[in-house]
Amino acid sequence: MKKKIAAVIINFFIRAAMGMALIFFINQYVLPPDSSINVGMNAVSFLTSGTLGIPGVGLLYGIMCYQIL
């Protein structure tokens, strides 16, 4: 039981770290510097990318695109 809980926690932090790295990469190198689509690197984006993974990062960018409309 403890191994399963540890595996879930490790998996969460790996997904969260990869999601934050992806957000940083997209904000720095993909989007133009004066873009309003940049996603902030904060606790909400950390939890979203940790819980949902890469689709969560896509969700965050989708929400930012929707706010522009």
PDB file of N, CA and C in Angstrom:
ATOM      1  N   MET A   1       0.815  -1.189   0.000  1.00  0.00           N
ATOM      2  CA  MET A   1       0.000   0.000   0.000  1.00  0.00           C
ATOM      3  C   MET A   1       0.863   1.261   0.000  1.00  0.00           C
ATOM      4  N   LYS A   2       1.921   1.264   0.800  1.00  0.00           N
ATOM      5  CA  LYS A   2       2.791   2.438   0.855  1.00  0.00           C
ATOM      6  C   LYS A   2       3.512   2.654  -0.463  1.00  0.00           C
ATOM      7  N   LYS A   3       3.856   1.552  -1.157  1.00  0.00           N
ATOM      8  CA  LYS A   3       4.529   1.692  -2.448  1.00  0.00           C
ATOM      9  C   LYS A   3       3.599   2.315  -3.476  1.00  0.00           C
ATOM     10  N   LYS A   4       2.321   1.968  -3.409  1.00  0.00           N
ATOM     11  CA  LYS A   4       1.374   2.531  -4.356  1.00  0.00           C
ATOM     12  C   LYS A   4       1.177   4.023  -4.112  1.00  0.00           C
ATOM     13  N   ILE A   5       1.076   4.421  -2.875  1.00  0.00           N
ATOM     14  CA  ILE A   5       0.929   5.846  -2.547  1.00  0.00           C
ATOM     15  C   ILE A   5       2.175   6.612  -2.963  1.00  0.00           C
ATOM     16  N   ALA A   6       3.336   6.036  -2.703  1.00  0.00           N
ATOM     17  CA  ALA A   6       4.585   6.683  -3.100  1.00  0.00           C
ATOM     18  C   ALA A   6       4.674   6.809  -4.618  1.00  0.00           C
ATOM     19  N   ALA A   7       4.225   5.790  -5.340  1.00  0.00           N
ATOM     20  CA  ALA A   7       4.260   5.836  -6.801  1.00  0.00           C
ATOM     21  C   ALA A   7       3.326   6.916  -7.335  1.00  0.00           C
ATOM     22  N   VAL A   8       2.166   7.081  -6.718  1.00  0.00           N
ATOM     23  CA  VAL A   8       1.222   8.123  -7.147  1.00  0.00           C
ATOM     24  C   VAL A   8       1.803   9.504  -6.888  1.00  0.00           C
ATOM     25  N   ILE A   9       2.417   9.701  -5.755  1.00  0.00           N
ATOM     26  CA  ILE A   9       3.006  11.003  -5.424  1.00  0.00           C
ATOM     27  C   ILE A   9       4.171  11.325  -6.352  1.00  0.00           C
ATOM     28  N   ILE A  10       5.018  10.349  -6.608  1.00  0.00           N
ATOM     29  CA  ILE A  10       6.150  10.565  -7.518  1.00  0.00           C
ATOM     30  C   ILE A  10       5.649  10.857  -8.921  1.00  0.00           C
ATOM     31  N   ASN A  11       4.633  10.130  -9.362  1.00  0.00           N
ATOM     32  CA  ASN A  11       4.054  10.357 -10.685  1.00  0.00           C
ATOM     33  C   ASN A  11       3.479  11.766 -10.790  1.00  0.00           C
ATOM     34  N   PHE A  12       2.806  12.225  -9.741  1.00  0.00           N
ATOM     35  CA  PHE A  12       2.250  13.577  -9.727  1.00  0.00           C
ATOM     36  C   PHE A  12       3.351  14.618  -9.888  1.00  0.00           C
ATOM     37  N   PHE A  13       4.425  14.489  -9.122  1.00  0.00           N
ATOM     38  CA  PHE A  13       5.487  15.497  -9.183  1.00  0.00           C
ATOM     39  C   PHE A  13       6.251  15.444 -10.499  1.00  0.00           C
ATOM     40  N   ILE A  14       6.378  14.273 -11.094  1.00  0.00           N
ATOM     41  CA  ILE A  14       7.025  14.190 -12.407  1.00  0.00           C
ATOM     42  C   ILE A  14       6.162  14.880 -13.454  1.00  0.00           C
ATOM     43  N   ARG A  15       4.853  14.602 -13.444  1.00  0.00           N
ATOM     44  CA  ARG A  15       3.950  15.268 -14.392  1.00  0.00           C
ATOM     45  C   ARG A  15       3.924  16.774 -14.167  1.00  0.00           C
ATOM     46  N   ALA A  16       3.933  17.196 -12.906  1.00  0.00           N
ATOM     47  CA  ALA A  16       3.907  18.630 -12.609  1.00  0.00           C
ATOM     48  C   ALA A  16       5.194  19.308 -13.084  1.00  0.00           C
ATOM     49  N   ALA A  17       6.327  18.676 -12.854  1.00  0.00           N
ATOM     50  CA  ALA A  17       7.604  19.258 -13.294  1.00  0.00           C
ATOM     51  C   ALA A  17       7.674  19.334 -14.811  1.00  0.00           C
ATOM     52  N   MET A  18       7.223  18.286 -15.479  1.00  0.00           N
ATOM     53  CA  MET A  18       7.233  18.303 -16.947  1.00  0.00           C
ATOM     54  C   MET A  18       6.253  19.355 -17.477  1.00  0.00           C
ATOM     55  N   GLY A  19       5.117  19.491 -16.833  1.00  0.00           N
ATOM     56  CA  GLY A  19       4.141  20.502 -17.253  1.00  0.00           C
ATOM     57  C   GLY A  19       4.665  21.911 -17.066  1.00  0.00           C
ATOM     58  N   MET A  20       5.314  22.164 -15.940  1.00  0.00           N
ATOM     59  CA  MET A  20       5.876  23.496 -15.710  1.00  0.00           C
ATOM     60  C   MET A  20       7.012  23.781 -16.693  1.00  0.00           C
ATOM     61  N   ALA A  21       7.805  22.772 -16.998  1.00  0.00           N
ATOM     62  CA  ALA A  21       8.873  22.955 -17.994  1.00  0.00           C
ATOM     63  C   ALA A  21       8.275  23.244 -19.366  1.00  0.00           C
ATOM     64  N   LEU A  22       7.185  22.576 -19.699  1.00  0.00           N
ATOM     65  CA  LEU A  22       6.526  22.823 -20.976  1.00  0.00           C
ATOM     66  C   LEU A  22       5.929  24.229 -21.028  1.00  0.00           C
ATOM     67  N   ILE A  23       5.321  24.663 -19.946  1.00  0.00           N
ATOM     68  CA  ILE A  23       4.785  26.031 -19.894  1.00  0.00           C
ATOM     69  C   ILE A  23       5.907  27.050 -20.053  1.00  0.00           C
ATOM     70  N   PHE A  24       7.020  26.828 -19.364  1.00  0.00           N
ATOM     71  CA  PHE A  24       8.159  27.738 -19.489  1.00  0.00           C
ATOM     72  C   PHE A  24       8.670  27.773 -20.927  1.00  0.00           C
ATOM     73  N   PHE A  25       8.813  26.601 -21.547  1.00  0.00           N
ATOM     74  CA  PHE A  25       9.310  26.530 -22.924  1.00  0.00           C
ATOM     75  C   PHE A  25       8.366  27.242 -23.882  1.00  0.00           C
ATOM     76  N   ILE A  26       7.071  27.012 -23.753  1.00  0.00           N
ATOM     77  CA  ILE A  26       6.111  27.650 -24.649  1.00  0.00           C
ATOM     78  C   ILE A  26       6.103  29.159 -24.444  1.00  0.00           C
ATOM     79  N   ASN A  27       6.130  29.603 -23.188  1.00  0.00           N
ATOM     80  CA  ASN A  27       6.127  31.048 -22.922  1.00  0.00           C
ATOM     81  C   ASN A  27       7.386  31.724 -23.442  1.00  0.00           C
ATOM     82  N   GLN A  28       8.533  31.063 -23.334  1.00  0.00           N
ATOM     83  CA  GLN A  28       9.801  31.692 -23.718  1.00  0.00           C
ATOM     84  C   GLN A  28      10.090  31.603 -25.205  1.00  0.00           C
ATOM     85  N   TYR A  29       9.826  30.448 -25.820  1.00  0.00           N
ATOM     86  CA  TYR A  29      10.345  30.204 -27.165  1.00  0.00           C
ATOM     87  C   TYR A  29       9.287  30.065 -28.251  1.00  0.00           C
ATOM     88  N   VAL A  30       8.054  29.787 -27.914  1.00  0.00           N
ATOM     89  CA  VAL A  30       7.036  29.567 -28.936  1.00  0.00           C
ATOM     90  C   VAL A  30       6.193  30.812 -29.152  1.00  0.00           C
ATOM     91  N   LEU A  31       5.735  31.415 -28.072  1.00  0.00           N
ATOM     92  CA  LEU A  31       4.877  32.591 -28.188  1.00  0.00           C
ATOM     93  C   LEU A  31       5.709  33.858 -28.318  1.00  0.00           C
ATOM     94  N   PRO A  32       5.186  34.863 -29.025  1.00  0.00           N
ATOM     95  CA  PRO A  32       5.902  36.138 -29.100  1.00  0.00           C
ATOM     96  C   PRO A  32       5.982  36.796 -27.720  1.00  0.00           C
ATOM     97  N   PRO A  33       6.992  37.636 -27.504  1.00  0.00           N
ATOM     98  CA  PRO A  33       7.190  38.243 -26.170  1.00  0.00           C
ATOM     99  C   PRO A  33       6.030  39.112 -25.705  1.00  0.00           C
ATOM    100  N   ASP A  34       5.318  39.752 -26.611  1.00  0.00           N
ATOM    101  CA  ASP A  34       4.233  40.654 -26.207  1.00  0.00           C
ATOM    102  C   ASP A  34       2.866  39.978 -26.282  1.00  0.00           C
ATOM    103  N   SER A  35       2.853  38.659 -26.241  1.00  0.00           N
ATOM    104  CA  SER A  35       1.613  37.906 -26.355  1.00  0.00           C
ATOM    105  C   SER A  35       0.820  37.951 -25.051  1.00  0.00           C
ATOM    106  N   SER A  36      -0.490  37.926 -25.180  1.00  0.00           N
ATOM    107  CA  SER A  36      -1.344  37.903 -23.990  1.00  0.00           C
ATOM    108  C   SER A  36      -1.823  36.487 -23.676  1.00  0.00           C
ATOM    109  N   ILE A  37      -1.266  35.496 -24.355  1.00  0.00           N
ATOM    110  CA  ILE A  37      -1.667  34.109 -24.148  1.00  0.00           C
ATOM    111  C   ILE A  37      -0.749  33.417 -23.142  1.00  0.00           C
ATOM    112  N   ASN A  38       0.244  34.098 -22.628  1.00  0.00           N
ATOM    113  CA  ASN A  38       1.174  33.468 -21.695  1.00  0.00           C
ATOM    114  C   ASN A  38       0.450  32.962 -20.455  1.00  0.00           C
ATOM    115  N   VAL A  39       0.760  31.728 -20.078  1.00  0.00           N
ATOM    116  CA  VAL A  39       0.195  31.121 -18.869  1.00  0.00           C
ATOM    117  C   VAL A  39       1.170  31.370 -17.732  1.00  0.00           C
ATOM    118  N   GLY A  40       0.656  31.799 -16.606  1.00  0.00           N
ATOM    119  CA  GLY A  40       1.498  32.057 -15.447  1.00  0.00           C
ATOM    120  C   GLY A  40       1.979  30.764 -14.812  1.00  0.00           C
ATOM    121  N   MET A  41       3.162  30.840 -14.223  1.00  0.00           N
ATOM    122  CA  MET A  41       3.716  29.681 -13.520  1.00  0.00           C
ATOM    123  C   MET A  41       3.437  29.881 -12.036  1.00  0.00           C
ATOM    124  N   ASN A  42       2.348  29.294 -11.568  1.00  0.00           N
ATOM    125  CA  ASN A  42       1.932  29.454 -10.190  1.00  0.00           C
ATOM    126  C   ASN A  42       1.390  28.130  -9.655  1.00  0.00           C
ATOM    127  N   ALA A  43       0.806  28.162  -8.484  1.00  0.00           N
ATOM    128  CA  ALA A  43       0.330  26.943  -7.837  1.00  0.00           C
ATOM    129  C   ALA A  43      -0.819  26.296  -8.608  1.00  0.00           C
ATOM    130  N   VAL A  44      -1.678  27.096  -9.203  1.00  0.00           N
ATOM    131  CA  VAL A  44      -2.805  26.535  -9.945  1.00  0.00           C
ATOM    132  C   VAL A  44      -2.318  25.792 -11.182  1.00  0.00           C
ATOM    133  N   SER A  45      -1.381  26.369 -11.920  1.00  0.00           N
ATOM    134  CA  SER A  45      -0.850  25.679 -13.093  1.00  0.00           C
ATOM    135  C   SER A  45      -0.026  24.460 -12.685  1.00  0.00           C
ATOM    136  N   PHE A  46       0.643  24.519 -11.533  1.00  0.00           N
ATOM    137  CA  PHE A  46       1.379  23.361 -11.017  1.00  0.00           C
ATOM    138  C   PHE A  46       0.425  22.211 -10.704  1.00  0.00           C
ATOM    139  N   LEU A  47      -0.663  22.516 -10.008  1.00  0.00           N
ATOM    140  CA  LEU A  47      -1.634  21.482  -9.657  1.00  0.00           C
ATOM    141  C   LEU A  47      -2.365  20.944 -10.886  1.00  0.00           C
ATOM    142  N   THR A  48      -2.682  21.816 -11.837  1.00  0.00           N
ATOM    143  CA  THR A  48      -3.369  21.374 -13.044  1.00  0.00           C
ATOM    144  C   THR A  48      -2.484  20.471 -13.881  1.00  0.00           C
ATOM    145  N   SER A  49      -1.232  20.867 -14.079  1.00  0.00           N
ATOM    146  CA  SER A  49      -0.341  20.028 -14.876  1.00  0.00           C
ATOM    147  C   SER A  49       0.040  18.762 -14.129  1.00  0.00           C
ATOM    148  N   GLY A  50       0.079  18.802 -12.810  1.00  0.00           N
ATOM    149  CA  GLY A  50       0.374  17.598 -12.043  1.00  0.00           C
ATOM    150  C   GLY A  50      -0.771  16.611 -12.050  1.00  0.00           C
ATOM    151  N   THR A  51      -1.985  17.122 -12.039  1.00  0.00           N
ATOM    152  CA  THR A  51      -3.149  16.252 -12.026  1.00  0.00           C
ATOM    153  C   THR A  51      -3.486  15.722 -13.416  1.00  0.00           C
ATOM    154  N   LEU A  52      -3.476  16.599 -14.416  1.00  0.00           N
ATOM    155  CA  LEU A  52      -3.920  16.222 -15.752  1.00  0.00           C
ATOM    156  C   LEU A  52      -2.780  15.927 -16.722  1.00  0.00           C
ATOM    157  N   GLY A  53      -1.575  16.356 -16.398  1.00  0.00           N
ATOM    158  CA  GLY A  53      -0.440  16.120 -17.291  1.00  0.00           C
ATOM    159  C   GLY A  53      -0.409  17.123 -18.435  1.00  0.00           C
ATOM    160  N   ILE A  54       0.070  16.686 -19.585  1.00  0.00           N
ATOM    161  CA  ILE A  54       0.193  17.565 -20.749  1.00  0.00           C
ATOM    162  C   ILE A  54      -1.172  18.050 -21.245  1.00  0.00           C
ATOM    163  N   PRO A  55      -2.229  17.238 -21.221  1.00  0.00           N
ATOM    164  CA  PRO A  55      -3.539  17.813 -21.564  1.00  0.00           C
ATOM    165  C   PRO A  55      -3.960  18.950 -20.631  1.00  0.00           C
ATOM    166  N   GLY A  56      -3.504  18.930 -19.405  1.00  0.00           N
ATOM    167  CA  GLY A  56      -3.782  20.032 -18.487  1.00  0.00           C
ATOM    168  C   GLY A  56      -3.100  21.318 -18.927  1.00  0.00           C
ATOM    169  N   VAL A  57      -1.893  21.189 -19.465  1.00  0.00           N
ATOM    170  CA  VAL A  57      -1.194  22.367 -19.997  1.00  0.00           C
ATOM    171  C   VAL A  57      -1.959  22.906 -21.197  1.00  0.00           C
ATOM    172  N   GLY A  58      -2.425  22.008 -22.047  1.00  0.00           N
ATOM    173  CA  GLY A  58      -3.260  22.430 -23.171  1.00  0.00           C
ATOM    174  C   GLY A  58      -4.537  23.109 -22.711  1.00  0.00           C
ATOM    175  N   LEU A  59      -5.124  22.604 -21.631  1.00  0.00           N
ATOM    176  CA  LEU A  59      -6.320  23.209 -21.052  1.00  0.00           C
ATOM    177  C   LEU A  59      -6.030  24.619 -20.566  1.00  0.00           C
ATOM    178  N   LEU A  60      -4.896  24.828 -19.912  1.00  0.00           N
ATOM    179  CA  LEU A  60      -4.537  26.159 -19.428  1.00  0.00           C
ATOM    180  C   LEU A  60      -4.382  27.142 -20.592  1.00  0.00           C
ATOM    181  N   TYR A  61      -3.732  26.699 -21.675  1.00  0.00           N
ATOM    182  CA  TYR A  61      -3.589  27.574 -22.841  1.00  0.00           C
ATOM    183  C   TYR A  61      -4.930  27.789 -23.537  1.00  0.00           C
ATOM    184  N   GLY A  62      -5.784  26.783 -23.510  1.00  0.00           N
ATOM    185  CA  GLY A  62      -7.121  26.940 -24.075  1.00  0.00           C
ATOM    186  C   GLY A  62      -7.930  27.959 -23.308  1.00  0.00           C
ATOM    187  N   ILE A  63      -7.823  27.942 -21.990  1.00  0.00           N
ATOM    188  CA  ILE A  63      -8.525  28.929 -21.161  1.00  0.00           C
ATOM    189  C   ILE A  63      -8.009  30.326 -21.463  1.00  0.00           C
ATOM    190  N   MET A  64      -6.699  30.458 -21.625  1.00  0.00           N
ATOM    191  CA  MET A  64      -6.135  31.782 -21.940  1.00  0.00           C
ATOM    192  C   MET A  64      -6.599  32.266 -23.316  1.00  0.00           C
ATOM    193  N   CYS A  65      -6.682  31.376 -24.277  1.00  0.00           N
ATOM    194  CA  CYS A  65      -7.181  31.754 -25.612  1.00  0.00           C
ATOM    195  C   CYS A  65      -8.647  32.146 -25.544  1.00  0.00           C
ATOM    196  N   TYR A  66      -9.413  31.430 -24.728  1.00  0.00           N
ATOM    197  CA  TYR A  66     -10.842  31.727 -24.588  1.00  0.00           C
ATOM    198  C   TYR A  66     -11.056  33.092 -23.942  1.00  0.00           C
ATOM    199  N   GLN A  67     -10.174  33.490 -23.028  1.00  0.00           N
ATOM    200  CA  GLN A  67     -10.312  34.793 -22.378  1.00  0.00           C
ATOM    201  C   GLN A  67     -10.089  35.947 -23.343  1.00  0.00           C
ATOM    202  N   ILE A  68      -9.342  35.704 -24.405  1.00  0.00           N
ATOM    203  CA  ILE A  68      -9.069  36.763 -25.378  1.00  0.00           C
ATOM    204  C   ILE A  68     -10.314  37.084 -26.195  1.00  0.00           C
ATOM    205  N   LEU A  69     -11.155  36.086 -26.408  1.00  0.00           N
ATOM    206  CA  LEU A  69     -12.341  36.286 -27.257  1.00  0.00           C
ATOM    207  C   LEU A  69     -13.289  37.310 -26.709  1.00  0.00           C
TER     208      LEU A  69
END
